[in-house]
Amino acid sequence: MQPSRLWILRCAAVICAIAANSPSSADESHWSFRKVTRPNSLRVRATGWLRNGIDAFVLARLEDEAVA
C-alpha cells in the first residue's frame, strides 16, 4: 500500500473514533459545554466590604446564611 493512502486510511480511522466519542446532547447540558457568560451583579447590603467581583458572591452567600 502506498504511504499516502495508508496515511489517509489512518486519519479516517482517527476521525471516526473522535466522532464516536463526541459529546451527546445530554452531555452538552453540562456546565463545561456552556458558553461563558457574565453573571448578573448581586445586591448586597454591606457594600463597603467589597473589593472585587468575587467578594460580592461571597458576601451575598454570607448574608443569605445570616452570617454577615
N, C-alpha and C. Protein backbone atom coordinates (compact mmCIF):
# COMPACT_ATOMS: atom_id res chain seq x y z
N MET A 1 0.85 -1.17 0.00
CA MET A 1 0.00 0.00 0.00
C MET A 1 0.90 1.24 0.00
N GLN A 2 0.51 2.26 -0.74
CA GLN A 2 1.29 3.49 -0.83
C GLN A 2 1.23 4.24 0.50
N PRO A 3 2.33 4.92 0.86
CA PRO A 3 2.35 5.65 2.14
C PRO A 3 1.24 6.69 2.27
N SER A 4 0.94 7.42 1.19
CA SER A 4 -0.10 8.45 1.29
C SER A 4 -1.48 7.82 1.50
N ARG A 5 -1.73 6.69 0.86
CA ARG A 5 -3.02 6.01 1.03
C ARG A 5 -3.14 5.48 2.46
N LEU A 6 -2.05 4.93 2.97
CA LEU A 6 -2.04 4.43 4.34
C LEU A 6 -2.30 5.57 5.33
N TRP A 7 -1.69 6.72 5.07
CA TRP A 7 -1.88 7.88 5.93
C TRP A 7 -3.34 8.32 5.93
N ILE A 8 -3.96 8.34 4.77
CA ILE A 8 -5.37 8.73 4.65
C ILE A 8 -6.26 7.75 5.41
N LEU A 9 -6.00 6.47 5.29
CA LEU A 9 -6.81 5.47 5.99
C LEU A 9 -6.65 5.60 7.51
N ARG A 10 -5.44 5.86 7.97
CA ARG A 10 -5.22 6.03 9.41
C ARG A 10 -5.93 7.29 9.92
N CYS A 11 -5.85 8.37 9.16
CA CYS A 11 -6.54 9.60 9.56
C CYS A 11 -8.05 9.40 9.59
N ALA A 12 -8.58 8.67 8.63
CA ALA A 12 -10.01 8.39 8.60
C ALA A 12 -10.42 7.60 9.83
N ALA A 13 -9.60 6.65 10.24
CA ALA A 13 -9.90 5.87 11.44
C ALA A 13 -9.90 6.75 12.68
N VAL A 14 -8.96 7.67 12.76
CA VAL A 14 -8.90 8.58 13.91
C VAL A 14 -10.12 9.50 13.93
N ILE A 15 -10.50 10.03 12.78
CA ILE A 15 -11.66 10.91 12.70
C ILE A 15 -12.93 10.16 13.10
N CYS A 16 -13.07 8.93 12.68
CA CYS A 16 -14.24 8.13 13.07
C CYS A 16 -14.26 7.88 14.57
N ALA A 17 -13.11 7.63 15.15
CA ALA A 17 -13.03 7.41 16.60
C ALA A 17 -13.39 8.67 17.36
N ILE A 18 -12.94 9.82 16.88
CA ILE A 18 -13.27 11.09 17.54
C ILE A 18 -14.76 11.36 17.44
N ALA A 19 -15.34 11.13 16.27
CA ALA A 19 -16.77 11.36 16.08
C ALA A 19 -17.60 10.45 16.97
N ALA A 20 -17.15 9.24 17.18
CA ALA A 20 -17.89 8.30 18.02
C ALA A 20 -17.86 8.73 19.48
N ASN A 21 -16.82 9.47 19.88
CA ASN A 21 -16.68 9.90 21.26
C ASN A 21 -17.11 11.34 21.49
N SER A 22 -17.76 11.97 20.51
CA SER A 22 -18.19 13.36 20.69
C SER A 22 -19.33 13.41 21.71
N PRO A 23 -19.48 14.53 22.40
CA PRO A 23 -20.49 14.60 23.46
C PRO A 23 -21.91 14.48 22.91
N SER A 24 -22.74 13.80 23.65
CA SER A 24 -24.14 13.66 23.26
C SER A 24 -24.90 14.91 23.69
N SER A 25 -26.16 15.01 23.32
CA SER A 25 -26.95 16.17 23.71
C SER A 25 -27.11 16.23 25.22
N ALA A 26 -27.14 15.09 25.88
CA ALA A 26 -27.22 15.08 27.34
C ALA A 26 -25.94 15.62 27.95
N ASP A 27 -24.80 15.28 27.36
CA ASP A 27 -23.53 15.79 27.85
C ASP A 27 -23.41 17.30 27.64
N GLU A 28 -23.97 17.81 26.56
CA GLU A 28 -23.84 19.23 26.24
C GLU A 28 -24.55 20.13 27.23
N SER A 29 -25.44 19.57 28.06
CA SER A 29 -26.09 20.39 29.08
C SER A 29 -25.19 20.59 30.29
N HIS A 30 -24.08 19.87 30.35
CA HIS A 30 -23.13 20.02 31.45
C HIS A 30 -22.52 21.42 31.40
N TRP A 31 -22.21 22.00 32.56
CA TRP A 31 -21.71 23.37 32.62
C TRP A 31 -20.45 23.58 31.77
N SER A 32 -19.63 22.58 31.62
CA SER A 32 -18.37 22.78 30.90
C SER A 32 -18.57 22.95 29.40
N PHE A 33 -19.75 22.61 28.88
CA PHE A 33 -20.02 22.77 27.46
C PHE A 33 -20.79 24.06 27.17
N ARG A 34 -21.20 24.78 28.21
CA ARG A 34 -21.98 26.01 28.02
C ARG A 34 -21.08 27.18 27.67
N LYS A 35 -21.64 28.12 26.95
CA LYS A 35 -20.91 29.32 26.60
C LYS A 35 -20.68 30.16 27.86
N VAL A 36 -19.51 30.75 27.96
CA VAL A 36 -19.18 31.56 29.13
C VAL A 36 -19.96 32.87 29.07
N THR A 37 -20.63 33.22 30.15
CA THR A 37 -21.38 34.47 30.24
C THR A 37 -21.07 35.14 31.57
N ARG A 38 -21.26 36.44 31.60
CA ARG A 38 -21.08 37.18 32.86
C ARG A 38 -22.34 37.01 33.70
N PRO A 39 -22.17 36.69 34.97
CA PRO A 39 -23.34 36.56 35.84
C PRO A 39 -23.91 37.93 36.17
N ASN A 40 -25.17 37.95 36.54
CA ASN A 40 -25.80 39.21 36.96
C ASN A 40 -25.13 39.70 38.23
N SER A 41 -25.07 41.02 38.38
CA SER A 41 -24.47 41.56 39.60
C SER A 41 -25.39 41.28 40.78
N LEU A 42 -24.79 40.99 41.90
CA LEU A 42 -25.55 40.64 43.10
C LEU A 42 -25.75 41.88 43.96
N ARG A 43 -26.90 41.95 44.60
CA ARG A 43 -27.17 43.05 45.52
C ARG A 43 -26.82 42.59 46.92
N VAL A 44 -25.96 43.37 47.56
CA VAL A 44 -25.56 43.08 48.94
C VAL A 44 -25.75 44.35 49.77
N ARG A 45 -25.90 44.15 51.08
CA ARG A 45 -26.12 45.29 51.97
C ARG A 45 -24.81 46.00 52.34
N ALA A 46 -23.79 45.25 52.67
CA ALA A 46 -22.53 45.82 53.16
C ALA A 46 -21.56 46.06 52.01
N THR A 47 -21.84 47.07 51.20
CA THR A 47 -21.02 47.30 50.00
C THR A 47 -19.61 47.78 50.32
N GLY A 48 -19.37 48.30 51.51
CA GLY A 48 -18.03 48.75 51.88
C GLY A 48 -17.04 47.60 52.00
N TRP A 49 -17.54 46.40 52.13
CA TRP A 49 -16.70 45.21 52.28
C TRP A 49 -16.15 44.73 50.94
N LEU A 50 -16.75 45.17 49.86
CA LEU A 50 -16.41 44.66 48.53
C LEU A 50 -15.13 45.29 47.99
N ARG A 51 -14.24 44.45 47.49
CA ARG A 51 -13.03 44.93 46.81
C ARG A 51 -12.98 44.47 45.36
N ASN A 52 -13.69 43.38 45.04
CA ASN A 52 -13.74 42.89 43.66
C ASN A 52 -15.04 42.11 43.46
N GLY A 53 -15.25 41.62 42.24
CA GLY A 53 -16.49 40.92 41.92
C GLY A 53 -16.71 39.64 42.70
N ILE A 54 -15.64 38.95 43.03
CA ILE A 54 -15.77 37.70 43.78
C ILE A 54 -16.28 37.97 45.19
N ASP A 55 -15.85 39.10 45.78
CA ASP A 55 -16.32 39.45 47.12
C ASP A 55 -17.84 39.55 47.17
N ALA A 56 -18.47 40.03 46.09
CA ALA A 56 -19.93 40.15 46.06
C ALA A 56 -20.58 38.78 46.17
N PHE A 57 -20.03 37.77 45.53
CA PHE A 57 -20.59 36.42 45.62
C PHE A 57 -20.44 35.86 47.03
N VAL A 58 -19.26 36.07 47.62
CA VAL A 58 -19.02 35.57 48.97
C VAL A 58 -19.94 36.27 49.95
N LEU A 59 -20.02 37.60 49.87
CA LEU A 59 -20.85 38.36 50.80
C LEU A 59 -22.33 38.04 50.63
N ALA A 60 -22.79 37.86 49.40
CA ALA A 60 -24.19 37.50 49.18
C ALA A 60 -24.53 36.19 49.87
N ARG A 61 -23.64 35.23 49.78
CA ARG A 61 -23.87 33.94 50.45
C ARG A 61 -23.86 34.10 51.97
N LEU A 62 -22.92 34.89 52.47
CA LEU A 62 -22.85 35.12 53.92
C LEU A 62 -24.11 35.82 54.41
N GLU A 63 -24.61 36.78 53.64
CA GLU A 63 -25.84 37.47 54.03
C GLU A 63 -27.04 36.52 53.95
N ASP A 64 -27.08 35.65 52.95
CA ASP A 64 -28.16 34.66 52.86
C ASP A 64 -28.19 33.74 54.07
N GLU A 65 -27.01 33.39 54.57
CA GLU A 65 -26.90 32.49 55.72
C GLU A 65 -26.96 33.26 57.04
N ALA A 66 -27.18 34.57 56.97
CA ALA A 66 -27.25 35.45 58.14
C ALA A 66 -25.97 35.39 58.97
N VAL A 67 -24.84 35.27 58.29
CA VAL A 67 -23.54 35.23 58.96
C VAL A 67 -22.91 36.63 58.94
N ALA A 68 -23.19 37.39 57.90
CA ALA A 68 -22.61 38.73 57.78
C ALA A 68 -23.68 39.79 57.92
